[in-house]
Amino acid sequence: MPELIPMLDIAGMDGSLGQRVYTTLRDSILSMSLEPGTVLRKGALCEQLGVSRSPVAEALGRLSTDGLVDIVPQSATRVSRFFIPELREENFLREAIEVAAVGKVASERTDEQLMKLTRNLRLQGLLVEDHDFAGFFEADLEFHDLILAFTGFPKVASAAAQMSLQLRRARILILPEQGRPKEAVAEHEAILSAIERQDVSAAQATMSRHLGQLIKRIEPLELQHPEYFRPNRE
């Protein structure tokens, strides 16, 4: 049987069987180990993960709710393909939330929060120097997650993460992009500088410019990887 997903030891993971299968599949989809359009066969997944059909069905149902898989009754279950209007909408929502968040953080930030952001930014610079773009991607995510967490609103970070799952997948396709990681670090430095000065307007403006770059870089992917996109809703 061909390997569908990384052979993780779900026995060592926390949660119910359904939760563990869900986490394994979700991580594989978000990392693009499972590419858009990949057919997910319940029987093969059960055999590979060593579980019954029930937790696999549960996990696929949750992934469908997340928008990460498409379940077509009496047909096939596939990893969802990208849809440009959805990516634009996610980017719009992400920008709305993060611009508001960075404004709040800039006005209320503490020295400890500033220290954590500074450490993260130093790490980003080192990772780019080492050409560790996968590591940079994770540090980039953490930088934005920290800002969301510093708002003090727990639901903000989880909502932002959930509504930008497709963007997160699509970003994998543009790594590494020549020169872009270094540019992103510079943009993060400008955001951090505004937060440090407690300049709310500058923090929001720099965040808006930073996030506005993403969709412009993602849109050309539809021509470069047409197999990953659907032209219309199916």
Foldseek 3Di string as FASTA:
>chain_A
DDDQFPQDQLVPPDDDLLVSLLVRVLVCLLLCVFAFFHWDDQVVSCVSRVHDSVSVVSSLVVCVVLVQWDDDPPPTITGHFDELVLQVVLLVVLLVLLLVLLLLLLQPPDPVLLVVLVVLLVVLVVCVVVLVQVVNLVSLVVNSLSSQVSSVDVVSSVVNCSSNSVLSSLVSVPPPPPPVSVVLSVLSVQLSVSSVVSPSVSNSVSSNVSSVVSSVVSVVVCVVCVVRYDHDDD
